[in-house]
Amino acid sequence: MTKIKEIINHLETIAPRSYQESYDNSGLITGNKKDVVTGAIISLDCTEAVVKEAIEKDCNLIISHHPIIFRGLKSLTGGNYIERTVIKAIKHDIAIYAIHTNLDNISQGVNRKICEKIGLQKPRILLPKAQTLNKLTVFVPTENSDALLNALSEAGAGHIGNYTNCSFQVEGTGTFQPNELANPTIGERGKLEKVKERRIEVIFPAYLANQILAAMHQAHPYEEVAYYLHALENKNQEVGSGMIGSLSEAMPAETFLAHLKESMQLHCIRHTQPPKGKIQRVAVCGGAGSFLLPHAIRQQADVFVAADFKYHEFFDAEDHLMIADIGHYESEVYTKELIMELLSQKFVTFAVHLAKTNTNPVFYYK
C-alpha cells in the first residue's frame, strides 16, 4: 500500500521544493501524508470540478501543477472558488499536492516537455540559478579514499550534468595527536601522528547536504572528521528558468508558427513581427515568461515561445527576435503528462488518472 508521503518523497527527489520561487506554495496543501493512496488525479489546476472528478473516481489525492492556495487564507467560508475547492477537498478527505515552480526549474521539467513537443535538439536551461550548490572538502587516509568517494557518490555528490564520480583530489600529510579520551583509528593516545591523506573536493545540490554529510561520517574511518562545507555562487546548469534549443532544420517564420500551432495543439498564437530570416534557435518558458525575454535575446534566440505577455512588452522584442505567446494553459497543459511519467517510473500499485476536466479559464471565439 502506497502512502501519500511516498509519492511526495519521490516527486521531491526529482523536483526539490527548495527549487521553487519565493512567491510559490508548492507542497502538500490539504490532507494527511500518512494516508494510503486510493487513487490519484493529475491536473494543471485544482478546482471544484477537479475535486468532484476525484470523488467520482474514488481518488483521495490530487496532484496539480498550480497551487490552489498562493497566499494565506484568513477564512474558509466558501466566499470564492479557492475556499470552496479547499472546503470540498477537506470534507471528502482528499489531499491536494502542488508541484509548481520547482518542476519548472529542473532540466527534466515543464520546459523540457515543451522542447520535446516542439522538437528542439540539445535543450539547456536559459537562465541557470545560483546559490543551489555546495562544495564539500574532506580529508581522509589515502587507502580509504575510494570507499569514501563511492559513498559520497551514492548519496548524490559529484554528479555534474551527464557526468558522475566527479571530484578533485590532492595528496598531503595530515597530523594529529589523540588525547587520553580519544579512541583513534590510527595512532596512539598522547603521540603526534603523521598520516598520508587525500584532500577530496566534491560538488552537490545544496538540498542534499544532510544526507551527504551523513554518508561521509558513515564511510569515514576517523572518530573526528576534518571537513569544510561551502555554499557556492556558481550557477547550476541543471536548475533554472526557461530553456533554449535548436530545430533540426531552420524554417521560415510562417512555417514555424504553423508547426508550433500543430505540435502544441493551439487555438491561436499572438506574436510580434516575424523575422526576415529563418527560425532555428528557439527559447521557451512555460507560463508567464516575459521576465526571460532579455535572456532569450542575449542568447540570440530567433523566437521566444512563452505566455502572458502584456501589450507593451511585445515592443521589447525590438526586432531582435519574434515573441510567440501561446497562452498560459496551452504552454503548461502537457505538465500533466510529465507528472504521469514521473509517477509511472516508480508506482504501479494504484490508479493514476489524467484529469478530464479542462481547467482553462480562457475561451476563444472561433
Protein backbone atom coordinates (compact mmCIF):
# COMPACT_ATOMS: atom_id res chain seq x y z
CA MET A 1 0.00 0.00 0.00
CA THR A 2 1.43 3.32 -1.12
CA LYS A 3 1.15 6.32 1.18
CA ILE A 4 0.92 9.94 0.11
CA LYS A 5 4.29 10.71 1.70
CA GLU A 6 5.97 8.12 -0.57
CA ILE A 7 4.64 9.90 -3.64
CA ILE A 8 5.71 13.28 -2.28
CA ASN A 9 9.19 11.97 -1.47
CA HIS A 10 9.58 10.56 -4.98
CA LEU A 11 8.45 13.77 -6.71
CA GLU A 12 10.58 15.97 -4.46
CA THR A 13 13.64 13.82 -5.10
CA ILE A 14 13.21 14.84 -8.74
CA ALA A 15 11.98 18.42 -8.16
CA PRO A 16 13.05 19.51 -4.65
CA ARG A 17 10.84 22.10 -3.00
CA SER A 18 13.94 24.21 -2.35
CA TYR A 19 13.96 24.95 -6.10
CA GLN A 20 10.61 26.74 -6.02
CA GLU A 21 10.43 30.52 -6.32
CA SER A 22 9.94 32.62 -3.18
CA TYR A 23 6.34 33.56 -4.10
CA ASP A 24 5.29 29.95 -4.65
CA ASN A 25 3.40 27.48 -2.46
CA SER A 26 4.35 24.04 -3.71
CA GLY A 27 3.86 21.06 -1.43
CA LEU A 28 1.02 19.33 0.41
CA ILE A 29 -1.82 21.83 0.77
CA THR A 30 -4.55 19.65 2.26
CA GLY A 31 -4.59 16.10 3.58
CA ASN A 32 -2.50 13.76 5.71
CA LYS A 33 0.72 12.48 4.18
CA LYS A 34 0.35 9.25 6.17
CA ASP A 35 -2.87 8.28 4.34
CA VAL A 36 -2.82 5.36 1.93
CA VAL A 37 -3.49 6.40 -1.67
CA THR A 38 -6.68 5.01 -3.19
CA GLY A 39 -6.04 6.76 -6.50
CA ALA A 40 -4.63 9.99 -7.88
CA ILE A 41 -5.87 12.66 -10.29
CA ILE A 42 -3.28 14.76 -12.15
CA SER A 43 -4.38 18.22 -13.23
CA LEU A 44 -2.85 21.53 -14.25
CA ASP A 45 -5.09 23.35 -11.75
CA CYS A 46 -7.10 22.26 -8.75
CA THR A 47 -10.71 23.46 -8.98
CA GLU A 48 -14.07 22.39 -7.58
CA ALA A 49 -14.68 20.41 -10.78
CA VAL A 50 -11.39 18.54 -10.37
CA VAL A 51 -12.25 17.68 -6.75
CA LYS A 52 -15.63 16.41 -7.97
CA GLU A 53 -13.86 14.26 -10.56
CA ALA A 54 -11.59 12.86 -7.84
CA ILE A 55 -14.61 11.94 -5.72
CA GLU A 56 -16.31 10.21 -8.65
CA LYS A 57 -13.16 8.17 -9.39
CA ASP A 58 -12.53 7.31 -5.71
CA CYS A 59 -9.22 9.18 -5.70
CA ASN A 60 -8.03 10.72 -2.44
CA LEU A 61 -5.07 12.59 -3.97
CA ILE A 62 -4.97 15.44 -6.47
CA ILE A 63 -1.57 16.37 -7.88
CA SER A 64 -1.72 19.75 -9.57
CA HIS A 65 0.89 21.96 -11.14
CA HIS A 66 -0.59 25.24 -9.89
CA PRO A 67 -1.21 25.54 -6.12
CA ILE A 68 -4.83 26.27 -5.23
CA ILE A 69 -3.53 28.47 -2.40
CA PHE A 70 -0.84 31.01 -3.26
CA ARG A 71 -1.36 33.33 -0.30
CA GLY A 72 -2.58 32.64 3.21
CA LEU A 73 -6.32 32.23 3.73
CA LYS A 74 -7.86 34.30 6.54
CA SER A 75 -11.18 32.49 6.42
CA LEU A 76 -12.85 29.40 4.95
CA THR A 77 -16.43 30.48 4.31
CA GLY A 78 -16.80 29.43 0.69
CA GLY A 79 -16.71 33.04 -0.45
CA ASN A 80 -14.64 32.29 -3.56
CA TYR A 81 -13.57 29.33 -5.70
CA ILE A 82 -10.35 28.86 -3.73
CA GLU A 83 -12.14 28.49 -0.41
CA ARG A 84 -14.86 26.29 -1.92
CA THR A 85 -12.27 23.99 -3.51
CA VAL A 86 -10.33 23.60 -0.27
CA ILE A 87 -13.51 23.02 1.78
CA LYS A 88 -14.74 20.37 -0.67
CA ALA A 89 -11.39 18.57 -0.61
CA ILE A 90 -11.22 18.55 3.20
CA LYS A 91 -14.84 17.35 3.53
CA HIS A 92 -14.05 14.35 1.35
CA ASP A 93 -10.60 13.60 2.81
CA ILE A 94 -8.85 14.45 -0.44
CA ALA A 95 -5.23 15.55 -0.31
CA ILE A 96 -4.08 18.30 -2.66
CA TYR A 97 -0.42 18.40 -3.58
CA ALA A 98 1.12 21.07 -5.83
CA ILE A 99 4.40 20.81 -7.72
CA HIS A 100 4.84 24.17 -9.40
CA THR A 101 7.97 26.28 -9.96
CA ASN A 102 10.20 23.55 -8.55
CA LEU A 103 9.04 21.43 -11.50
CA ASP A 104 9.51 24.43 -13.82
CA ASN A 105 13.08 24.89 -12.65
CA ILE A 106 14.60 21.45 -13.27
CA SER A 107 16.25 20.41 -16.52
CA GLN A 108 13.81 17.49 -17.00
CA GLY A 109 10.76 19.55 -16.07
CA VAL A 110 8.00 21.58 -17.68
CA ASN A 111 10.17 23.42 -20.19
CA ARG A 112 11.83 20.18 -21.34
CA LYS A 113 8.37 18.84 -22.12
CA ILE A 114 7.67 21.91 -24.30
CA CYS A 115 11.01 21.39 -26.07
CA GLU A 116 10.06 17.77 -26.77
CA LYS A 117 6.70 18.78 -28.20
CA ILE A 118 8.28 21.38 -30.49
CA GLY A 119 11.17 19.08 -31.40
CA LEU A 120 14.12 21.08 -30.10
CA GLN A 121 17.56 19.50 -30.07
CA LYS A 122 20.03 19.73 -27.15
CA PRO A 123 17.89 21.96 -24.92
CA ARG A 124 19.55 23.62 -21.93
CA ILE A 125 18.48 25.96 -19.14
CA LEU A 126 18.00 29.54 -20.36
CA LEU A 127 18.65 31.25 -17.00
CA PRO A 128 20.56 28.96 -14.60
CA LYS A 129 20.14 29.56 -10.87
CA ALA A 130 22.96 30.45 -8.49
CA GLN A 131 23.19 29.52 -4.79
CA THR A 132 21.87 25.96 -5.27
CA LEU A 133 25.22 24.15 -4.99
CA ASN A 134 27.54 23.23 -2.11
CA LYS A 135 31.14 22.04 -2.09
CA LEU A 136 32.45 19.53 0.42
CA THR A 137 36.16 19.36 1.17
CA VAL A 138 37.15 16.38 3.31
CA PHE A 139 40.47 14.84 4.37
CA VAL A 140 40.80 11.04 4.52
CA PRO A 141 43.62 8.46 4.73
CA THR A 142 44.70 7.61 1.18
CA GLU A 143 43.76 3.94 1.50
CA ASN A 144 40.19 4.87 2.49
CA SER A 145 39.62 7.49 -0.21
CA ASP A 146 37.94 5.26 -2.80
CA ALA A 147 35.43 3.88 -0.29
CA LEU A 148 34.59 7.39 0.87
CA LEU A 149 34.20 8.67 -2.70
CA ASN A 150 31.87 5.80 -3.55
CA ALA A 151 29.70 6.56 -0.51
CA LEU A 152 29.56 10.26 -1.39
CA SER A 153 28.65 9.46 -4.99
CA GLU A 154 25.85 7.10 -3.94
CA ALA A 155 24.49 9.89 -1.72
CA GLY A 156 24.38 12.29 -4.70
CA ALA A 157 27.73 14.11 -4.65
CA GLY A 158 29.95 14.59 -7.68
CA HIS A 159 27.15 14.45 -10.25
CA ILE A 160 27.61 17.23 -12.80
CA GLY A 161 25.40 17.19 -15.90
CA ASN A 162 25.99 13.93 -17.76
CA TYR A 163 28.97 13.01 -15.57
CA THR A 164 29.20 11.13 -12.26
CA ASN A 165 32.01 10.47 -9.78
CA CYS A 166 33.38 13.99 -10.34
CA SER A 167 35.93 15.08 -7.75
CA PHE A 168 39.23 16.85 -7.20
CA GLN A 169 41.93 15.11 -5.15
CA VAL A 170 45.38 16.02 -3.91
CA GLU A 171 47.82 14.13 -1.70
CA GLY A 172 49.22 15.55 1.53
CA THR A 173 50.15 14.83 5.13
CA GLY A 174 47.70 15.07 8.00
CA THR A 175 48.85 15.48 11.60
CA PHE A 176 47.01 14.92 14.87
CA GLN A 177 47.65 13.94 18.46
CA PRO A 178 44.91 11.96 20.26
CA ASN A 179 44.32 12.86 23.93
CA GLU A 180 43.62 10.34 26.70
CA LEU A 181 39.86 10.31 26.00
CA ALA A 182 40.24 9.65 22.27
CA ASN A 183 39.66 6.32 20.54
CA PRO A 184 41.85 6.76 17.44
CA THR A 185 41.56 4.55 14.37
CA ILE A 186 45.19 5.33 13.60
CA GLY A 187 47.92 6.24 16.12
CA GLU A 188 48.20 6.17 19.89
CA ARG A 189 46.96 8.41 22.69
CA GLY A 190 49.42 11.17 23.54
CA LYS A 191 51.61 10.70 20.45
CA LEU A 192 51.80 13.01 17.43
CA GLU A 193 50.77 11.10 14.34
CA LYS A 194 51.55 11.87 10.67
CA VAL A 195 49.35 10.18 8.08
CA LYS A 196 49.30 10.22 4.28
CA GLU A 197 45.94 11.70 3.48
CA ARG A 198 43.97 12.75 0.46
CA ARG A 199 42.07 16.03 0.20
CA ILE A 200 38.83 15.34 -1.66
CA GLU A 201 36.51 18.01 -3.06
CA VAL A 202 33.04 17.27 -4.46
CA ILE A 203 30.12 19.44 -5.55
CA PHE A 204 26.48 18.57 -4.89
CA PRO A 205 22.99 20.17 -4.78
CA ALA A 206 22.62 22.10 -1.54
CA TYR A 207 19.37 20.37 -0.59
CA LEU A 208 21.31 17.08 -0.26
CA ALA A 209 23.66 18.46 2.43
CA ASN A 210 22.31 16.39 5.32
CA GLN A 211 22.47 13.06 3.51
CA ILE A 212 25.88 13.84 2.01
CA LEU A 213 27.32 14.61 5.46
CA ALA A 214 25.67 11.51 6.92
CA ALA A 215 27.25 9.36 4.19
CA MET A 216 30.62 11.00 4.83
CA HIS A 217 30.54 10.28 8.56
CA GLN A 218 29.35 6.73 7.94
CA ALA A 219 32.13 5.89 5.46
CA HIS A 220 34.99 7.82 7.07
CA PRO A 221 37.35 5.82 9.33
CA TYR A 222 38.17 8.66 11.72
CA GLU A 223 36.45 9.38 15.01
CA GLU A 224 36.70 13.11 14.22
CA VAL A 225 36.34 14.01 10.53
CA ALA A 226 38.12 17.10 9.21
CA TYR A 227 35.95 18.72 6.52
CA TYR A 228 34.70 22.05 5.19
CA LEU A 229 31.27 22.76 3.71
CA HIS A 230 30.94 25.80 1.43
CA ALA A 231 27.92 27.39 -0.26
CA LEU A 232 28.79 28.19 -3.89
CA GLU A 233 27.75 31.15 -6.01
CA ASN A 234 28.23 29.07 -9.17
CA LYS A 235 25.24 28.92 -11.50
CA ASN A 236 23.72 25.45 -11.58
CA GLN A 237 23.31 24.48 -15.24
CA GLU A 238 20.72 21.85 -14.27
CA VAL A 239 18.40 24.24 -12.40
CA GLY A 240 16.77 27.46 -13.54
CA SER A 241 14.17 29.19 -15.68
CA GLY A 242 13.24 28.52 -19.29
CA MET A 243 15.15 26.51 -21.88
CA ILE A 244 16.76 27.11 -25.25
CA GLY A 245 17.45 24.66 -28.05
CA SER A 246 17.51 24.34 -31.82
CA LEU A 247 15.28 22.88 -34.51
CA SER A 248 16.92 20.12 -36.54
CA GLU A 249 16.38 22.28 -39.63
CA ALA A 250 15.80 26.02 -39.93
CA MET A 251 12.40 27.02 -41.26
CA PRO A 252 10.64 30.21 -42.36
CA ALA A 253 8.73 32.03 -39.61
CA GLU A 254 5.32 31.22 -41.11
CA THR A 255 6.23 27.54 -41.31
CA PHE A 256 7.47 27.58 -37.72
CA LEU A 257 4.25 29.20 -36.46
CA ALA A 258 2.21 26.51 -38.24
CA HIS A 259 4.47 23.83 -36.73
CA LEU A 260 4.13 25.40 -33.28
CA LYS A 261 0.34 25.55 -33.55
CA GLU A 262 0.11 21.92 -34.58
CA SER A 263 2.66 20.47 -32.16
CA MET A 264 1.22 22.32 -29.13
CA GLN A 265 -2.41 21.96 -30.34
CA LEU A 266 -3.10 25.69 -30.11
CA HIS A 267 -6.18 27.73 -30.94
CA CYS A 268 -4.14 30.78 -31.80
CA ILE A 269 -0.74 32.44 -31.35
CA ARG A 270 -0.11 36.09 -30.51
CA HIS A 271 3.22 37.10 -31.96
CA THR A 272 5.39 40.02 -32.95
CA GLN A 273 6.59 40.82 -36.48
CA PRO A 274 8.08 37.63 -37.99
CA PRO A 275 11.81 37.89 -38.75
CA LYS A 276 13.01 38.02 -42.35
CA GLY A 277 15.43 35.17 -41.76
CA LYS A 278 14.63 31.57 -40.85
CA ILE A 279 13.84 30.21 -37.38
CA GLN A 280 16.18 27.68 -35.81
CA ARG A 281 17.21 28.76 -32.30
CA VAL A 282 14.15 28.65 -30.01
CA ALA A 283 13.77 29.75 -26.38
CA VAL A 284 10.77 28.56 -24.34
CA CYS A 285 9.14 29.18 -20.97
CA GLY A 286 6.01 27.51 -19.66
CA GLY A 287 3.59 30.07 -18.22
CA ALA A 288 4.39 33.75 -17.71
CA GLY A 289 7.78 34.27 -19.36
CA SER A 290 8.30 37.96 -20.14
CA PHE A 291 10.98 38.20 -17.44
CA LEU A 292 13.16 35.92 -19.57
CA LEU A 293 12.92 37.97 -22.76
CA PRO A 294 16.27 39.79 -22.23
CA HIS A 295 17.97 36.43 -21.70
CA ALA A 296 16.42 34.94 -24.85
CA ILE A 297 17.67 37.97 -26.80
CA ARG A 298 21.12 37.77 -25.20
CA GLN A 299 21.43 34.12 -26.23
CA GLN A 300 20.41 35.01 -29.78
CA ALA A 301 17.16 33.07 -29.95
CA ASP A 302 15.20 33.56 -33.17
CA VAL A 303 11.89 33.16 -31.34
CA PHE A 304 10.75 33.08 -27.72
CA VAL A 305 7.75 30.82 -27.00
CA ALA A 306 6.02 31.71 -23.73
CA ALA A 307 2.80 33.20 -22.37
CA ASP A 308 1.15 36.14 -20.62
CA PHE A 309 2.93 38.97 -22.44
CA LYS A 310 1.32 42.35 -21.87
CA TYR A 311 0.74 44.70 -24.80
CA HIS A 312 3.72 46.96 -24.18
CA GLU A 313 6.03 44.01 -23.51
CA PHE A 314 5.72 42.97 -27.15
CA PHE A 315 7.60 46.15 -28.08
CA ASP A 316 10.56 44.92 -26.02
CA ALA A 317 11.40 42.36 -28.70
CA GLU A 318 12.72 45.32 -30.75
CA ASP A 319 13.24 43.14 -33.84
CA HIS A 320 15.85 41.03 -32.02
CA LEU A 321 13.54 38.00 -32.14
CA MET A 322 9.92 37.04 -32.54
CA ILE A 323 7.76 36.62 -29.44
CA ALA A 324 5.20 33.82 -29.74
CA ASP A 325 2.64 34.00 -26.92
CA ILE A 326 0.76 30.70 -26.94
CA GLY A 327 -1.30 31.13 -23.74
CA HIS A 328 -0.62 30.11 -20.14
CA TYR A 329 -2.76 26.98 -20.05
CA GLU A 330 -1.63 25.91 -23.50
CA SER A 331 2.04 26.22 -22.61
CA GLU A 332 1.73 24.08 -19.49
CA VAL A 333 -1.10 21.63 -20.17
CA TYR A 334 1.39 18.87 -21.02
CA THR A 335 2.73 19.10 -17.48
CA LYS A 336 0.03 16.53 -16.69
CA GLU A 337 1.79 14.05 -18.98
CA LEU A 338 5.12 14.88 -17.36
CA ILE A 339 3.85 14.19 -13.84
CA MET A 340 2.26 10.95 -15.04
CA GLU A 341 5.61 9.87 -16.48
CA LEU A 342 7.41 10.69 -13.23
CA LEU A 343 4.93 8.62 -11.21
CA SER A 344 4.93 5.67 -13.59
CA GLN A 345 8.69 5.31 -13.12
CA LYS A 346 8.08 4.08 -9.58
CA PHE A 347 4.44 3.40 -8.72
CA VAL A 348 2.17 0.78 -10.25
CA THR A 349 0.06 -0.20 -7.24
CA PHE A 350 -2.67 2.44 -7.51
CA ALA A 351 -4.72 4.10 -10.24
CA VAL A 352 -3.44 7.36 -11.70
CA HIS A 353 -5.72 9.42 -13.93
CA LEU A 354 -5.14 12.48 -16.08
CA ALA A 355 -7.93 14.88 -15.19
CA LYS A 356 -10.59 15.10 -17.89
CA THR A 357 -11.67 18.48 -16.53
CA ASN A 358 -10.46 21.35 -18.70
CA THR A 359 -9.39 23.98 -16.17
CA ASN A 360 -8.52 26.66 -18.73
CA PRO A 361 -10.46 29.83 -17.74
CA VAL A 362 -9.78 31.39 -21.16
CA PHE A 363 -12.06 30.66 -24.12
CA TYR A 364 -11.62 31.55 -27.78
CA TYR A 365 -14.40 32.60 -30.14
CA LYS A 366 -13.88 30.78 -33.43
